[in-house]
Amino acid sequence: MLISDCLDPDGMKKGLQYLVGSGWDVFVIQVLSPEELHPLEHGMEGDLKLVNAESNEVCEVTVTTPLIEQYQSNLSSFCDDVRMQCTRIGAGNVRVSSDIDIELLLVEYLRNRGLLR
C-alpha cells in the first residue's frame, strides 16, 4: 500500500511497475489536502505566498477565478493520469482528502480484500 500525494516530479510509474512486476498486490492511496482539492473553500484567493513543504521553494501568486479554474483542470488531469497509470499496471487506486479518517479507510479496504473480518 502506497500512501502519497503522488506529486513526485520524477513520477512513480517505474516504482509501481517494479512492485507489481515482482508479484506484489499494490494499492495507491493518493492523499491531497482539502486546500489542494477545494482552494476557494479554504480562503485561497487574492495575493498569496505559497511555500512548497518539501523543497521550501516560494511562489508568490495572485489567485483569480481563471487561475483556480486552470489549477482545478490541471489537478483533475494529473489525478486522472495517476489513476490510469495504476489501472494500466494492475494497481488499485483511490484519491482521498487528508481530513479523512485514514484508520477507517484502511480498515474498510482490508475488509473488502478479505484480510480483516
PDB file of N, CA and C in Angstrom:
ATOM      1  N   MET A   1       0.848  -1.154   0.000  1.00  0.00           N
ATOM      2  CA  MET A   1       0.000   0.000   0.000  1.00  0.00           C
ATOM      3  C   MET A   1       0.902   1.227   0.000  1.00  0.00           C
ATOM      4  N   LEU A   2       0.699   2.066  -0.986  1.00  0.00           N
ATOM      5  CA  LEU A   2       1.458   3.303  -1.100  1.00  0.00           C
ATOM      6  C   LEU A   2       0.523   4.447  -0.736  1.00  0.00           C
ATOM      7  N   ILE A   3       0.913   5.220   0.271  1.00  0.00           N
ATOM      8  CA  ILE A   3       0.149   6.399   0.670  1.00  0.00           C
ATOM      9  C   ILE A   3       1.011   7.605   0.325  1.00  0.00           C
ATOM     10  N   SER A   4       0.529   8.424  -0.623  1.00  0.00           N
ATOM     11  CA  SER A   4       1.342   9.521  -1.139  1.00  0.00           C
ATOM     12  C   SER A   4       0.445  10.566  -1.792  1.00  0.00           C
ATOM     13  N   ASP A   5       0.989  11.775  -1.964  1.00  0.00           N
ATOM     14  CA  ASP A   5       0.275  12.763  -2.767  1.00  0.00           C
ATOM     15  C   ASP A   5       0.537  12.522  -4.255  1.00  0.00           C
ATOM     16  N   CYS A   6       1.501  11.657  -4.545  1.00  0.00           N
ATOM     17  CA  CYS A   6       1.858  11.281  -5.928  1.00  0.00           C
ATOM     18  C   CYS A   6       2.405  12.467  -6.717  1.00  0.00           C
ATOM     19  N   LEU A   7       2.863  13.489  -6.029  1.00  0.00           N
ATOM     20  CA  LEU A   7       3.339  14.699  -6.689  1.00  0.00           C
ATOM     21  C   LEU A   7       4.852  14.713  -6.896  1.00  0.00           C
ATOM     22  N   ASP A   8       5.478  13.551  -6.925  1.00  0.00           N
ATOM     23  CA  ASP A   8       6.901  13.453  -7.173  1.00  0.00           C
ATOM     24  C   ASP A   8       7.192  13.911  -8.598  1.00  0.00           C
ATOM     25  N   PRO A   9       8.089  14.881  -8.763  1.00  0.00           N
ATOM     26  CA  PRO A   9       8.358  15.382 -10.121  1.00  0.00           C
ATOM     27  C   PRO A   9       8.932  14.306 -11.053  1.00  0.00           C
ATOM     28  N   ASP A  10       9.553  13.276 -10.509  1.00  0.00           N
ATOM     29  CA  ASP A  10      10.091  12.192 -11.330  1.00  0.00           C
ATOM     30  C   ASP A  10       9.051  11.113 -11.598  1.00  0.00           C
ATOM     31  N   GLY A  11       7.885  11.256 -11.016  1.00  0.00           N
ATOM     32  CA  GLY A  11       6.826  10.279 -11.222  1.00  0.00           C
ATOM     33  C   GLY A  11       7.021   9.040 -10.368  1.00  0.00           C
ATOM     34  N   MET A  12       6.046   8.152 -10.440  1.00  0.00           N
ATOM     35  CA  MET A  12       6.089   6.943  -9.620  1.00  0.00           C
ATOM     36  C   MET A  12       5.903   5.693 -10.457  1.00  0.00           C
ATOM     37  N   LYS A  13       5.798   5.873 -11.764  1.00  0.00           N
ATOM     38  CA  LYS A  13       5.479   4.777 -12.667  1.00  0.00           C
ATOM     39  C   LYS A  13       6.466   3.622 -12.550  1.00  0.00           C
ATOM     40  N   LYS A  14       7.763   3.899 -12.601  1.00  0.00           N
ATOM     41  CA  LYS A  14       8.769   2.839 -12.550  1.00  0.00           C
ATOM     42  C   LYS A  14       8.685   2.051 -11.246  1.00  0.00           C
ATOM     43  N   GLY A  15       8.532   2.767 -10.138  1.00  0.00           N
ATOM     44  CA  GLY A  15       8.451   2.101  -8.840  1.00  0.00           C
ATOM     45  C   GLY A  15       7.236   1.191  -8.741  1.00  0.00           C
ATOM     46  N   LEU A  16       6.105   1.683  -9.213  1.00  0.00           N
ATOM     47  CA  LEU A  16       4.884   0.874  -9.180  1.00  0.00           C
ATOM     48  C   LEU A  16       5.002  -0.336 -10.107  1.00  0.00           C
ATOM     49  N   GLN A  17       5.575  -0.134 -11.291  1.00  0.00           N
ATOM     50  CA  GLN A  17       5.755  -1.251 -12.223  1.00  0.00           C
ATOM     51  C   GLN A  17       6.658  -2.316 -11.604  1.00  0.00           C
ATOM     52  N   TYR A  18       7.687  -1.888 -10.899  1.00  0.00           N
ATOM     53  CA  TYR A  18       8.589  -2.836 -10.243  1.00  0.00           C
ATOM     54  C   TYR A  18       7.834  -3.654  -9.196  1.00  0.00           C
ATOM     55  N   LEU A  19       7.055  -2.986  -8.366  1.00  0.00           N
ATOM     56  CA  LEU A  19       6.318  -3.691  -7.315  1.00  0.00           C
ATOM     57  C   LEU A  19       5.316  -4.682  -7.899  1.00  0.00           C
ATOM     58  N   VAL A  20       4.520  -4.227  -8.867  1.00  0.00           N
ATOM     59  CA  VAL A  20       3.528  -5.105  -9.493  1.00  0.00           C
ATOM     60  C   VAL A  20       4.232  -6.250 -10.229  1.00  0.00           C
ATOM     61  N   GLY A  21       5.306  -5.934 -10.939  1.00  0.00           N
ATOM     62  CA  GLY A  21       6.056  -6.950 -11.671  1.00  0.00           C
ATOM     63  C   GLY A  21       6.720  -7.975 -10.767  1.00  0.00           C
ATOM     64  N   SER A  22       6.958  -7.600  -9.514  1.00  0.00           N
ATOM     65  CA  SER A  22       7.554  -8.523  -8.545  1.00  0.00           C
ATOM     66  C   SER A  22       6.504  -9.358  -7.824  1.00  0.00           C
ATOM     67  N   GLY A  23       5.253  -9.194  -8.251  1.00  0.00           N
ATOM     68  CA  GLY A  23       4.191 -10.018  -7.671  1.00  0.00           C
ATOM     69  C   GLY A  23       3.443  -9.402  -6.503  1.00  0.00           C
ATOM     70  N   TRP A  24       3.736  -8.172  -6.167  1.00  0.00           N
ATOM     71  CA  TRP A  24       3.050  -7.517  -5.054  1.00  0.00           C
ATOM     72  C   TRP A  24       1.638  -7.090  -5.475  1.00  0.00           C
ATOM     73  N   ASP A  25       0.712  -7.164  -4.548  1.00  0.00           N
ATOM     74  CA  ASP A  25      -0.632  -6.625  -4.723  1.00  0.00           C
ATOM     75  C   ASP A  25      -0.550  -5.171  -4.279  1.00  0.00           C
ATOM     76  N   VAL A  26      -0.581  -4.243  -5.222  1.00  0.00           N
ATOM     77  CA  VAL A  26      -0.305  -2.837  -4.938  1.00  0.00           C
ATOM     78  C   VAL A  26      -1.587  -2.024  -4.945  1.00  0.00           C
ATOM     79  N   PHE A  27      -1.721  -1.156  -3.941  1.00  0.00           N
ATOM     80  CA  PHE A  27      -2.857  -0.244  -3.856  1.00  0.00           C
ATOM     81  C   PHE A  27      -2.314   1.137  -3.508  1.00  0.00           C
ATOM     82  N   VAL A  28      -2.662   2.139  -4.309  1.00  0.00           N
ATOM     83  CA  VAL A  28      -2.179   3.505  -4.128  1.00  0.00           C
ATOM     84  C   VAL A  28      -3.297   4.359  -3.536  1.00  0.00           C
ATOM     85  N   ILE A  29      -2.997   4.982  -2.407  1.00  0.00           N
ATOM     86  CA  ILE A  29      -3.918   5.938  -1.800  1.00  0.00           C
ATOM     87  C   ILE A  29      -3.305   7.318  -2.029  1.00  0.00           C
ATOM     88  N   GLN A  30      -3.912   8.075  -2.933  1.00  0.00           N
ATOM     89  CA  GLN A  30      -3.433   9.421  -3.237  1.00  0.00           C
ATOM     90  C   GLN A  30      -4.103  10.386  -2.265  1.00  0.00           C
ATOM     91  N   VAL A  31      -3.303  11.019  -1.422  1.00  0.00           N
ATOM     92  CA  VAL A  31      -3.815  11.912  -0.388  1.00  0.00           C
ATOM     93  C   VAL A  31      -3.492  13.359  -0.755  1.00  0.00           C
ATOM     94  N   LEU A  32      -4.527  14.169  -0.840  1.00  0.00           N
ATOM     95  CA  LEU A  32      -4.366  15.601  -1.090  1.00  0.00           C
ATOM     96  C   LEU A  32      -5.090  16.372   0.009  1.00  0.00           C
ATOM     97  N   SER A  33      -4.585  17.554   0.315  1.00  0.00           N
ATOM     98  CA  SER A  33      -5.204  18.355   1.380  1.00  0.00           C
ATOM     99  C   SER A  33      -6.516  18.952   0.891  1.00  0.00           C
ATOM    100  N   PRO A  34      -7.399  19.299   1.829  1.00  0.00           N
ATOM    101  CA  PRO A  34      -8.635  19.971   1.444  1.00  0.00           C
ATOM    102  C   PRO A  34      -8.357  21.265   0.663  1.00  0.00           C
ATOM    103  N   GLU A  35      -7.280  21.967   1.017  1.00  0.00           N
ATOM    104  CA  GLU A  35      -6.914  23.198   0.324  1.00  0.00           C
ATOM    105  C   GLU A  35      -6.524  22.917  -1.126  1.00  0.00           C
ATOM    106  N   GLU A  36      -5.865  21.789  -1.365  1.00  0.00           N
ATOM    107  CA  GLU A  36      -5.492  21.418  -2.732  1.00  0.00           C
ATOM    108  C   GLU A  36      -6.720  21.024  -3.542  1.00  0.00           C
ATOM    109  N   LEU A  37      -7.641  20.335  -2.904  1.00  0.00           N
ATOM    110  CA  LEU A  37      -8.831  19.852  -3.599  1.00  0.00           C
ATOM    111  C   LEU A  37      -9.857  20.953  -3.844  1.00  0.00           C
ATOM    112  N   HIS A  38     -10.017  21.862  -2.888  1.00  0.00           N
ATOM    113  CA  HIS A  38     -11.043  22.914  -2.980  1.00  0.00           C
ATOM    114  C   HIS A  38     -10.457  24.239  -2.478  1.00  0.00           C
ATOM    115  N   PRO A  39      -9.563  24.858  -3.250  1.00  0.00           N
ATOM    116  CA  PRO A  39      -8.849  26.037  -2.761  1.00  0.00           C
ATOM    117  C   PRO A  39      -9.734  27.219  -2.377  1.00  0.00           C
ATOM    118  N   LEU A  40     -10.766  27.498  -3.138  1.00  0.00           N
ATOM    119  CA  LEU A  40     -11.612  28.659  -2.815  1.00  0.00           C
ATOM    120  C   LEU A  40     -12.380  28.474  -1.517  1.00  0.00           C
ATOM    121  N   GLU A  41     -12.771  27.249  -1.218  1.00  0.00           N
ATOM    122  CA  GLU A  41     -13.491  26.975   0.025  1.00  0.00           C
ATOM    123  C   GLU A  41     -12.601  27.151   1.248  1.00  0.00           C
ATOM    124  N   HIS A  42     -11.295  27.252   1.024  1.00  0.00           N
ATOM    125  CA  HIS A  42     -10.339  27.351   2.133  1.00  0.00           C
ATOM    126  C   HIS A  42      -9.532  28.651   2.089  1.00  0.00           C
ATOM    127  N   GLY A  43     -10.143  29.685   1.520  1.00  0.00           N
ATOM    128  CA  GLY A  43      -9.550  31.018   1.561  1.00  0.00           C
ATOM    129  C   GLY A  43      -8.348  31.225   0.665  1.00  0.00           C
ATOM    130  N   MET A  44      -8.188  30.393  -0.346  1.00  0.00           N
ATOM    131  CA  MET A  44      -7.047  30.519  -1.249  1.00  0.00           C
ATOM    132  C   MET A  44      -7.414  31.475  -2.381  1.00  0.00           C
ATOM    133  N   GLU A  45      -7.403  32.767  -2.094  1.00  0.00           N
ATOM    134  CA  GLU A  45      -7.694  33.753  -3.116  1.00  0.00           C
ATOM    135  C   GLU A  45      -6.951  35.048  -2.798  1.00  0.00           C
ATOM    136  N   GLY A  46      -6.781  35.867  -3.824  1.00  0.00           N
ATOM    137  CA  GLY A  46      -6.047  37.116  -3.650  1.00  0.00           C
ATOM    138  C   GLY A  46      -4.546  36.898  -3.787  1.00  0.00           C
ATOM    139  N   ASP A  47      -3.767  37.784  -3.175  1.00  0.00           N
ATOM    140  CA  ASP A  47      -2.303  37.696  -3.228  1.00  0.00           C
ATOM    141  C   ASP A  47      -1.818  36.725  -2.155  1.00  0.00           C
ATOM    142  N   LEU A  48      -1.113  35.692  -2.599  1.00  0.00           N
ATOM    143  CA  LEU A  48      -0.636  34.655  -1.676  1.00  0.00           C
ATOM    144  C   LEU A  48       0.834  34.363  -1.896  1.00  0.00           C
ATOM    145  N   LYS A  49       1.486  33.938  -0.828  1.00  0.00           N
ATOM    146  CA  LYS A  49       2.845  33.422  -0.909  1.00  0.00           C
ATOM    147  C   LYS A  49       2.732  31.933  -0.573  1.00  0.00           C
ATOM    148  N   LEU A  50       2.976  31.090  -1.568  1.00  0.00           N
ATOM    149  CA  LEU A  50       2.880  29.645  -1.392  1.00  0.00           C
ATOM    150  C   LEU A  50       4.275  29.076  -1.171  1.00  0.00           C
ATOM    151  N   VAL A  51       4.401  28.168  -0.196  1.00  0.00           N
ATOM    152  CA  VAL A  51       5.683  27.556   0.118  1.00  0.00           C
ATOM    153  C   VAL A  51       5.568  26.056  -0.081  1.00  0.00           C
ATOM    154  N   ASN A  52       6.438  25.496  -0.916  1.00  0.00           N
ATOM    155  CA  ASN A  52       6.478  24.063  -1.137  1.00  0.00           C
ATOM    156  C   ASN A  52       6.997  23.407   0.146  1.00  0.00           C
ATOM    157  N   ALA A  53       6.198  22.544   0.752  1.00  0.00           N
ATOM    158  CA  ALA A  53       6.547  21.928   2.031  1.00  0.00           C
ATOM    159  C   ALA A  53       7.760  21.017   1.933  1.00  0.00           C
ATOM    160  N   GLU A  54       8.062  20.508   0.754  1.00  0.00           N
ATOM    161  CA  GLU A  54       9.182  19.581   0.610  1.00  0.00           C
ATOM    162  C   GLU A  54      10.479  20.274   0.205  1.00  0.00           C
ATOM    163  N   SER A  55      10.389  21.317  -0.628  1.00  0.00           N
ATOM    164  CA  SER A  55      11.605  21.975  -1.117  1.00  0.00           C
ATOM    165  C   SER A  55      11.814  23.374  -0.529  1.00  0.00           C
ATOM    166  N   ASN A  56      10.819  23.889   0.163  1.00  0.00           N
ATOM    167  CA  ASN A  56      10.809  25.250   0.705  1.00  0.00           C
ATOM    168  C   ASN A  56      10.843  26.319  -0.388  1.00  0.00           C
ATOM    169  N   GLU A  57      10.595  25.924  -1.631  1.00  0.00           N
ATOM    170  CA  GLU A  57      10.530  26.884  -2.729  1.00  0.00           C
ATOM    171  C   GLU A  57       9.308  27.785  -2.522  1.00  0.00           C
ATOM    172  N   VAL A  58       9.485  29.083  -2.739  1.00  0.00           N
ATOM    173  CA  VAL A  58       8.421  30.056  -2.530  1.00  0.00           C
ATOM    174  C   VAL A  58       7.925  30.559  -3.883  1.00  0.00           C
ATOM    175  N   CYS A  59       6.608  30.685  -3.972  1.00  0.00           N
ATOM    176  CA  CYS A  59       5.997  31.205  -5.195  1.00  0.00           C
ATOM    177  C   CYS A  59       4.929  32.212  -4.779  1.00  0.00           C
ATOM    178  N   GLU A  60       5.048  33.433  -5.277  1.00  0.00           N
ATOM    179  CA  GLU A  60       4.041  34.450  -4.990  1.00  0.00           C
ATOM    180  C   GLU A  60       3.074  34.511  -6.165  1.00  0.00           C
ATOM    181  N   VAL A  61       1.779  34.431  -5.870  1.00  0.00           N
ATOM    182  CA  VAL A  61       0.763  34.423  -6.919  1.00  0.00           C
ATOM    183  C   VAL A  61      -0.407  35.306  -6.512  1.00  0.00           C
ATOM    184  N   THR A  62      -1.124  35.751  -7.516  1.00  0.00           N
ATOM    185  CA  THR A  62      -2.404  36.398  -7.292  1.00  0.00           C
ATOM    186  C   THR A  62      -3.452  35.422  -7.798  1.00  0.00           C
ATOM    187  N   VAL A  63      -4.238  34.908  -6.878  1.00  0.00           N
ATOM    188  CA  VAL A  63      -5.221  33.884  -7.209  1.00  0.00           C
ATOM    189  C   VAL A  63      -6.496  34.548  -7.701  1.00  0.00           C
ATOM    190  N   THR A  64      -6.855  34.198  -8.928  1.00  0.00           N
ATOM    191  CA  THR A  64      -8.063  34.713  -9.556  1.00  0.00           C
ATOM    192  C   THR A  64      -8.948  33.531  -9.944  1.00  0.00           C
ATOM    193  N   THR A  65     -10.176  33.811 -10.292  1.00  0.00           N
ATOM    194  CA  THR A  65     -11.078  32.737 -10.713  1.00  0.00           C
ATOM    195  C   THR A  65     -10.535  31.968 -11.913  1.00  0.00           C
ATOM    196  N   PRO A  66     -10.038  32.634 -12.973  1.00  0.00           N
ATOM    197  CA  PRO A  66      -9.470  31.870 -14.098  1.00  0.00           C
ATOM    198  C   PRO A  66      -8.271  31.010 -13.684  1.00  0.00           C
ATOM    199  N   LEU A  67      -7.445  31.516 -12.759  1.00  0.00           N
ATOM    200  CA  LEU A  67      -6.301  30.733 -12.298  1.00  0.00           C
ATOM    201  C   LEU A  67      -6.778  29.485 -11.548  1.00  0.00           C
ATOM    202  N   ILE A  68      -7.783  29.636 -10.695  1.00  0.00           N
ATOM    203  CA  ILE A  68      -8.330  28.484  -9.964  1.00  0.00           C
ATOM    204  C   ILE A  68      -8.927  27.482 -10.937  1.00  0.00           C
ATOM    205  N   GLU A  69      -9.641  27.966 -11.938  1.00  0.00           N
ATOM    206  CA  GLU A  69     -10.232  27.058 -12.926  1.00  0.00           C
ATOM    207  C   GLU A  69      -9.144  26.270 -13.649  1.00  0.00           C
ATOM    208  N   GLN A  70      -8.051  26.944 -14.022  1.00  0.00           N
ATOM    209  CA  GLN A  70      -6.937  26.262 -14.695  1.00  0.00           C
ATOM    210  C   GLN A  70      -6.274  25.266 -13.751  1.00  0.00           C
ATOM    211  N   TYR A  71      -6.078  25.674 -12.493  1.00  0.00           N
ATOM    212  CA  TYR A  71      -5.494  24.790 -11.485  1.00  0.00           C
ATOM    213  C   TYR A  71      -6.340  23.530 -11.327  1.00  0.00           C
ATOM    214  N   GLN A  72      -7.650  23.703 -11.186  1.00  0.00           N
ATOM    215  CA  GLN A  72      -8.524  22.552 -10.989  1.00  0.00           C
ATOM    216  C   GLN A  72      -8.529  21.637 -12.209  1.00  0.00           C
ATOM    217  N   SER A  73      -8.456  22.202 -13.398  1.00  0.00           N
ATOM    218  CA  SER A  73      -8.357  21.405 -14.612  1.00  0.00           C
ATOM    219  C   SER A  73      -7.048  20.614 -14.630  1.00  0.00           C
ATOM    220  N   ASN A  74      -5.941  21.288 -14.276  1.00  0.00           N
ATOM    221  CA  ASN A  74      -4.639  20.610 -14.228  1.00  0.00           C
ATOM    222  C   ASN A  74      -4.620  19.514 -13.164  1.00  0.00           C
ATOM    223  N   LEU A  75      -5.185  19.795 -11.997  1.00  0.00           N
ATOM    224  CA  LEU A  75      -5.232  18.797 -10.923  1.00  0.00           C
ATOM    225  C   LEU A  75      -6.059  17.595 -11.350  1.00  0.00           C
ATOM    226  N   SER A  76      -7.195  17.840 -11.969  1.00  0.00           N
ATOM    227  CA  SER A  76      -8.052  16.753 -12.435  1.00  0.00           C
ATOM    228  C   SER A  76      -7.318  15.883 -13.461  1.00  0.00           C
ATOM    229  N   SER A  77      -6.629  16.520 -14.393  1.00  0.00           N
ATOM    230  CA  SER A  77      -5.858  15.773 -15.403  1.00  0.00           C
ATOM    231  C   SER A  77      -4.749  14.968 -14.747  1.00  0.00           C
ATOM    232  N   PHE A  78      -4.060  15.577 -13.776  1.00  0.00           N
ATOM    233  CA  PHE A  78      -2.982  14.885 -13.085  1.00  0.00           C
ATOM    234  C   PHE A  78      -3.508  13.659 -12.333  1.00  0.00           C
ATOM    235  N   CYS A  79      -4.611  13.836 -11.595  1.00  0.00           N
ATOM    236  CA  CYS A  79      -5.182  12.722 -10.831  1.00  0.00           C
ATOM    237  C   CYS A  79      -5.713  11.630 -11.758  1.00  0.00           C
ATOM    238  N   ASP A  80      -6.289  12.029 -12.888  1.00  0.00           N
ATOM    239  CA  ASP A  80      -6.730  11.038 -13.879  1.00  0.00           C
ATOM    240  C   ASP A  80      -5.540  10.250 -14.408  1.00  0.00           C
ATOM    241  N   ASP A  81      -4.412  10.922 -14.618  1.00  0.00           N
ATOM    242  CA  ASP A  81      -3.211  10.248 -15.096  1.00  0.00           C
ATOM    243  C   ASP A  81      -2.698   9.245 -14.057  1.00  0.00           C
ATOM    244  N   VAL A  82      -2.697   9.632 -12.786  1.00  0.00           N
ATOM    245  CA  VAL A  82      -2.283   8.711 -11.715  1.00  0.00           C
ATOM    246  C   VAL A  82      -3.188   7.484 -11.731  1.00  0.00           C
ATOM    247  N   ARG A  83      -4.503   7.719 -11.821  1.00  0.00           N
ATOM    248  CA  ARG A  83      -5.465   6.608 -11.836  1.00  0.00           C
ATOM    249  C   ARG A  83      -5.232   5.697 -13.037  1.00  0.00           C
ATOM    250  N   MET A  84      -5.002   6.289 -14.204  1.00  0.00           N
ATOM    251  CA  MET A  84      -4.786   5.492 -15.418  1.00  0.00           C
ATOM    252  C   MET A  84      -3.478   4.707 -15.338  1.00  0.00           C
ATOM    253  N   GLN A  85      -2.425   5.311 -14.784  1.00  0.00           N
ATOM    254  CA  GLN A  85      -1.168   4.585 -14.608  1.00  0.00           C
ATOM    255  C   GLN A  85      -1.378   3.361 -13.720  1.00  0.00           C
ATOM    256  N   CYS A  86      -2.111   3.553 -12.640  1.00  0.00           N
ATOM    257  CA  CYS A  86      -2.379   2.440 -11.722  1.00  0.00           C
ATOM    258  C   CYS A  86      -3.194   1.350 -12.423  1.00  0.00           C
ATOM    259  N   THR A  87      -4.222   1.758 -13.139  1.00  0.00           N
ATOM    260  CA  THR A  87      -5.084   0.796 -13.834  1.00  0.00           C
ATOM    261  C   THR A  87      -4.287   0.005 -14.864  1.00  0.00           C
ATOM    262  N   ARG A  88      -3.435   0.681 -15.632  1.00  0.00           N
ATOM    263  CA  ARG A  88      -2.638   0.010 -16.674  1.00  0.00           C
ATOM    264  C   ARG A  88      -1.752  -1.094 -16.122  1.00  0.00           C
ATOM    265  N   ILE A  89      -1.205  -0.870 -14.926  1.00  0.00           N
ATOM    266  CA  ILE A  89      -0.282  -1.871 -14.393  1.00  0.00           C
ATOM    267  C   ILE A  89      -0.944  -2.820 -13.397  1.00  0.00           C
ATOM    268  N   GLY A  90      -2.236  -2.626 -13.163  1.00  0.00           N
ATOM    269  CA  GLY A  90      -2.967  -3.536 -12.277  1.00  0.00           C
ATOM    270  C   GLY A  90      -2.909  -3.185 -10.809  1.00  0.00           C
ATOM    271  N   ALA A  91      -2.653  -1.929 -10.500  1.00  0.00           N
ATOM    272  CA  ALA A  91      -2.643  -1.484  -9.108  1.00  0.00           C
ATOM    273  C   ALA A  91      -3.976  -0.809  -8.790  1.00  0.00           C
ATOM    274  N   GLY A  92      -4.482  -1.035  -7.601  1.00  0.00           N
ATOM    275  CA  GLY A  92      -5.683  -0.342  -7.163  1.00  0.00           C
ATOM    276  C   GLY A  92      -5.359   1.104  -6.847  1.00  0.00           C
ATOM    277  N   ASN A  93      -6.378   1.957  -6.789  1.00  0.00           N
ATOM    278  CA  ASN A  93      -6.133   3.375  -6.579  1.00  0.00           C
ATOM    279  C   ASN A  93      -7.364   4.055  -6.018  1.00  0.00           C
ATOM    280  N   VAL A  94      -7.136   4.979  -5.102  1.00  0.00           N
ATOM    281  CA  VAL A  94      -8.200   5.846  -4.611  1.00  0.00           C
ATOM    282  C   VAL A  94      -7.566   7.197  -4.264  1.00  0.00           C
ATOM    283  N   ARG A  95      -8.326   8.263  -4.474  1.00  0.00           N
ATOM    284  CA  ARG A  95      -7.887   9.609  -4.084  1.00  0.00           C
ATOM    285  C   ARG A  95      -8.727  10.036  -2.900  1.00  0.00           C
ATOM    286  N   VAL A  96      -8.077  10.536  -1.847  1.00  0.00           N
ATOM    287  CA  VAL A  96      -8.792  10.957  -0.645  1.00  0.00           C
ATOM    288  C   VAL A  96      -8.255  12.295  -0.159  1.00  0.00           C
ATOM    289  N   SER A  97      -9.061  12.951   0.640  1.00  0.00           N
ATOM    290  CA  SER A  97      -8.657  14.184   1.291  1.00  0.00           C
ATOM    291  C   SER A  97      -7.928  13.837   2.584  1.00  0.00           C
ATOM    292  N   SER A  98      -6.944  14.650   2.944  1.00  0.00           N
ATOM    293  CA  SER A  98      -6.169  14.377   4.159  1.00  0.00           C
ATOM    294  C   SER A  98      -6.985  14.525   5.436  1.00  0.00           C
ATOM    295  N   ASP A  99      -8.190  15.067   5.331  1.00  0.00           N
ATOM    296  CA  ASP A  99      -9.013  15.176   6.535  1.00  0.00           C
ATOM    297  C   ASP A  99      -9.898  13.941   6.761  1.00  0.00           C
ATOM    298  N   ILE A 100      -9.736  12.909   5.929  1.00  0.00           N
ATOM    299  CA  ILE A 100     -10.485  11.667   6.099  1.00  0.00           C
ATOM    300  C   ILE A 100      -9.869  10.862   7.250  1.00  0.00           C
ATOM    301  N   ASP A 101     -10.667  10.053   7.886  1.00  0.00           N
ATOM    302  CA  ASP A 101     -10.168   9.163   8.930  1.00  0.00           C
ATOM    303  C   ASP A 101      -9.424   8.014   8.254  1.00  0.00           C
ATOM    304  N   ILE A 102      -8.092   8.093   8.218  1.00  0.00           N
ATOM    305  CA  ILE A 102      -7.278   7.125   7.482  1.00  0.00           C
ATOM    306  C   ILE A 102      -7.412   5.722   8.074  1.00  0.00           C
ATOM    307  N   GLU A 103      -7.598   5.634   9.374  1.00  0.00           N
ATOM    308  CA  GLU A 103      -7.770   4.323  10.002  1.00  0.00           C
ATOM    309  C   GLU A 103      -9.027   3.641   9.469  1.00  0.00           C
ATOM    310  N   LEU A 104     -10.117   4.379   9.375  1.00  0.00           N
ATOM    311  CA  LEU A 104     -11.360   3.839   8.833  1.00  0.00           C
ATOM    312  C   LEU A 104     -11.165   3.425   7.373  1.00  0.00           C
ATOM    313  N   LEU A 105     -10.488   4.266   6.600  1.00  0.00           N
ATOM    314  CA  LEU A 105     -10.229   3.948   5.200  1.00  0.00           C
ATOM    315  C   LEU A 105      -9.448   2.641   5.067  1.00  0.00           C
ATOM    316  N   LEU A 106      -8.385   2.489   5.852  1.00  0.00           N
ATOM    317  CA  LEU A 106      -7.566   1.284   5.762  1.00  0.00           C
ATOM    318  C   LEU A 106      -8.324   0.045   6.229  1.00  0.00           C
ATOM    319  N   VAL A 107      -9.073   0.171   7.300  1.00  0.00           N
ATOM    320  CA  VAL A 107      -9.843  -0.970   7.802  1.00  0.00           C
ATOM    321  C   VAL A 107     -10.869  -1.409   6.761  1.00  0.00           C
ATOM    322  N   GLU A 108     -11.566  -0.454   6.147  1.00  0.00           N
ATOM    323  CA  GLU A 108     -12.554  -0.807   5.118  1.00  0.00           C
ATOM    324  C   GLU A 108     -11.888  -1.464   3.914  1.00  0.00           C
ATOM    325  N   TYR A 109     -10.737  -0.952   3.512  1.00  0.00           N
ATOM    326  CA  TYR A 109     -10.007  -1.557   2.395  1.00  0.00           C
ATOM    327  C   TYR A 109      -9.625  -2.994   2.728  1.00  0.00           C
ATOM    328  N   LEU A 110      -9.062  -3.190   3.909  1.00  0.00           N
ATOM    329  CA  LEU A 110      -8.643  -4.539   4.294  1.00  0.00           C
ATOM    330  C   LEU A 110      -9.834  -5.486   4.415  1.00  0.00           C
ATOM    331  N   ARG A 111     -10.961  -4.994   4.900  1.00  0.00           N
ATOM    332  CA  ARG A 111     -12.173  -5.822   4.961  1.00  0.00           C
ATOM    333  C   ARG A 111     -12.637  -6.207   3.560  1.00  0.00           C
ATOM    334  N   ASN A 112     -12.663  -5.234   2.656  1.00  0.00           N
ATOM    335  CA  ASN A 112     -13.100  -5.503   1.281  1.00  0.00           C
ATOM    336  C   ASN A 112     -12.191  -6.505   0.589  1.00  0.00           C
ATOM    337  N   ARG A 113     -10.917  -6.559   0.968  1.00  0.00           N
ATOM    338  CA  ARG A 113      -9.982  -7.507   0.366  1.00  0.00           C
ATOM    339  C   ARG A 113     -10.011  -8.866   1.078  1.00  0.00           C
ATOM    340  N   GLY A 114     -10.851  -8.979   2.115  1.00  0.00           N
ATOM    341  CA  GLY A 114     -10.960 -10.243   2.838  1.00  0.00           C
ATOM    342  C   GLY A 114      -9.813 -10.491   3.810  1.00  0.00           C
ATOM    343  N   LEU A 115      -9.074  -9.434   4.137  1.00  0.00           N
ATOM    344  CA  LEU A 115      -7.937  -9.580   5.038  1.00  0.00           C
ATOM    345  C   LEU A 115      -8.299  -9.313   6.488  1.00  0.00           C
ATOM    346  N   LEU A 116      -9.473  -8.747   6.712  1.00  0.00           N
ATOM    347  CA  LEU A 116     -10.000  -8.494   8.059  1.00  0.00           C
ATOM    348  C   LEU A 116     -11.455  -8.938   8.119  1.00  0.00           C
ATOM    349  N   ARG A 117     -11.878  -9.298   9.296  1.00  0.00           N
ATOM    350  CA  ARG A 117     -13.293  -9.634   9.490  1.00  0.00           C
ATOM    351  C   ARG A 117     -13.939  -8.667  10.418  1.00  0.00           C
TER     352      ARG A 117
END
